[in-house]
Amino acid sequence: MIVTLAKWGNSQAVRLPRNILKKAKISMNDNFEIIVEDKKITLKVTDELPTLKELLEDWDGTPPESFDWGEPVGRELL
């Protein structure tokens, strides 16, 4: 089956047809591990959520140049 990468808001997305999700027994809000190898992307359903250490393993410790959170929209404390 061929699908197309498309813009979705500020991101990109591939829509998975219902029959594929049913066949793979995938439900809404399932968590996935994304594996990238040799121009292949594999989605693997998982119950494990990453640790903070795993989430930050590629971060070099350099803070972003700026934080632009936009204008306050409520009663945020700055």
C-alpha atoms as a PDB file:
ATOM      1  CA  MET A   1       0.000   0.000   0.000  1.00  0.00           C
ATOM      2  CA  ILE A   2       1.324   3.461  -0.892  1.00  0.00           C
ATOM      3  CA  VAL A   3       0.576   6.454   1.364  1.00  0.00           C
ATOM      4  CA  THR A   4       1.744  10.068   1.149  1.00  0.00           C
ATOM      5  CA  LEU A   5       3.482  12.254   3.708  1.00  0.00           C
ATOM      6  CA  ALA A   6       1.311  15.370   4.077  1.00  0.00           C
ATOM      7  CA  LYS A   7       1.332  18.592   6.048  1.00  0.00           C
ATOM      8  CA  TRP A   8      -0.777  18.492   9.187  1.00  0.00           C
ATOM      9  CA  GLY A   9      -0.689  21.804  11.055  1.00  0.00           C
ATOM     10  CA  ASN A  10       2.986  22.597  11.714  1.00  0.00           C
ATOM     11  CA  SER A  11       3.973  18.942  11.356  1.00  0.00           C
ATOM     12  CA  GLN A  12       3.916  16.222   8.741  1.00  0.00           C
ATOM     13  CA  ALA A  13       1.878  13.044   8.970  1.00  0.00           C
ATOM     14  CA  VAL A  14       1.135   9.757   7.291  1.00  0.00           C
ATOM     15  CA  ARG A  15      -2.448   8.599   7.685  1.00  0.00           C
ATOM     16  CA  LEU A  16      -2.886   4.908   8.343  1.00  0.00           C
ATOM     17  CA  PRO A  17      -6.014   3.397   6.803  1.00  0.00           C
ATOM     18  CA  ARG A  18      -8.525   1.814   9.172  1.00  0.00           C
ATOM     19  CA  ASN A  19      -8.179  -1.641   7.590  1.00  0.00           C
ATOM     20  CA  ILE A  20      -4.399  -1.587   8.222  1.00  0.00           C
ATOM     21  CA  LEU A  21      -4.903  -0.571  11.854  1.00  0.00           C
ATOM     22  CA  LYS A  22      -7.528  -3.290  12.314  1.00  0.00           C
ATOM     23  CA  LYS A  23      -5.281  -5.913  10.733  1.00  0.00           C
ATOM     24  CA  ALA A  24      -2.380  -4.893  13.012  1.00  0.00           C
ATOM     25  CA  LYS A  25      -4.714  -4.705  16.061  1.00  0.00           C
ATOM     26  CA  ILE A  26      -3.706  -1.095  16.720  1.00  0.00           C
ATOM     27  CA  SER A  27      -6.018   1.131  18.765  1.00  0.00           C
ATOM     28  CA  MET A  28      -6.256   4.873  19.306  1.00  0.00           C
ATOM     29  CA  ASN A  29      -3.692   6.208  21.789  1.00  0.00           C
ATOM     30  CA  ASP A  30      -1.384   3.188  21.455  1.00  0.00           C
ATOM     31  CA  ASN A  31       2.275   4.119  22.013  1.00  0.00           C
ATOM     32  CA  PHE A  32       4.879   3.413  19.363  1.00  0.00           C
ATOM     33  CA  GLU A  33       8.624   3.062  19.262  1.00  0.00           C
ATOM     34  CA  ILE A  34      10.037   4.595  16.061  1.00  0.00           C
ATOM     35  CA  ILE A  35      12.979   2.716  14.577  1.00  0.00           C
ATOM     36  CA  VAL A  36      14.972   4.253  11.688  1.00  0.00           C
ATOM     37  CA  GLU A  37      17.375   2.036   9.706  1.00  0.00           C
ATOM     38  CA  ASP A  38      18.668   2.408   6.147  1.00  0.00           C
ATOM     39  CA  LYS A  39      15.909   4.742   4.900  1.00  0.00           C
ATOM     40  CA  LYS A  40      13.270   2.569   6.602  1.00  0.00           C
ATOM     41  CA  ILE A  41      10.921   3.729   9.338  1.00  0.00           C
ATOM     42  CA  THR A  42       9.345   1.028  11.486  1.00  0.00           C
ATOM     43  CA  LEU A  43       6.589   1.668  14.022  1.00  0.00           C
ATOM     44  CA  LYS A  44       6.485  -0.846  16.850  1.00  0.00           C
ATOM     45  CA  VAL A  45       3.600  -0.819  19.336  1.00  0.00           C
ATOM     46  CA  THR A  46       4.926  -0.687  22.880  1.00  0.00           C
ATOM     47  CA  ASP A  47       3.612  -0.324  26.420  1.00  0.00           C
ATOM     48  CA  GLU A  48       6.943   1.095  27.570  1.00  0.00           C
ATOM     49  CA  LEU A  49       7.313   4.858  27.802  1.00  0.00           C
ATOM     50  CA  PRO A  50      10.813   6.347  27.489  1.00  0.00           C
ATOM     51  CA  THR A  51      12.682   7.506  30.582  1.00  0.00           C
ATOM     52  CA  LEU A  52      13.863  11.097  30.916  1.00  0.00           C
ATOM     53  CA  LYS A  53      17.412   9.846  30.292  1.00  0.00           C
ATOM     54  CA  GLU A  54      16.307   8.235  27.010  1.00  0.00           C
ATOM     55  CA  LEU A  55      14.436  11.371  25.947  1.00  0.00           C
ATOM     56  CA  LEU A  56      17.547  13.486  26.493  1.00  0.00           C
ATOM     57  CA  GLU A  57      20.203  11.072  25.190  1.00  0.00           C
ATOM     58  CA  ASP A  58      20.779  13.055  21.963  1.00  0.00           C
ATOM     59  CA  TRP A  59      20.825  16.470  23.664  1.00  0.00           C
ATOM     60  CA  ASP A  60      24.285  18.029  23.790  1.00  0.00           C
ATOM     61  CA  GLY A  61      23.521  20.243  26.798  1.00  0.00           C
ATOM     62  CA  THR A  62      23.387  23.451  24.799  1.00  0.00           C
ATOM     63  CA  PRO A  63      20.319  25.500  25.683  1.00  0.00           C
ATOM     64  CA  PRO A  64      18.165  26.808  22.837  1.00  0.00           C
ATOM     65  CA  GLU A  65      19.051  30.295  21.598  1.00  0.00           C
ATOM     66  CA  SER A  66      15.747  31.631  22.880  1.00  0.00           C
ATOM     67  CA  PHE A  67      12.463  30.577  24.328  1.00  0.00           C
ATOM     68  CA  ASP A  68       9.533  32.199  22.553  1.00  0.00           C
ATOM     69  CA  TRP A  69       6.381  31.173  24.319  1.00  0.00           C
ATOM     70  CA  GLY A  70       4.337  33.954  22.717  1.00  0.00           C
ATOM     71  CA  GLU A  71       2.156  36.402  24.561  1.00  0.00           C
ATOM     72  CA  PRO A  72       0.402  35.347  27.791  1.00  0.00           C
ATOM     73  CA  VAL A  73      -3.127  34.081  27.169  1.00  0.00           C
ATOM     74  CA  GLY A  74      -4.290  33.699  30.750  1.00  0.00           C
ATOM     75  CA  ARG A  75      -2.897  34.256  34.218  1.00  0.00           C
ATOM     76  CA  GLU A  76       0.561  32.773  33.626  1.00  0.00           C
ATOM     77  CA  LEU A  77       3.353  33.736  36.002  1.00  0.00           C
ATOM     78  CA  LEU A  78       6.399  35.016  34.139  1.00  0.00           C
END
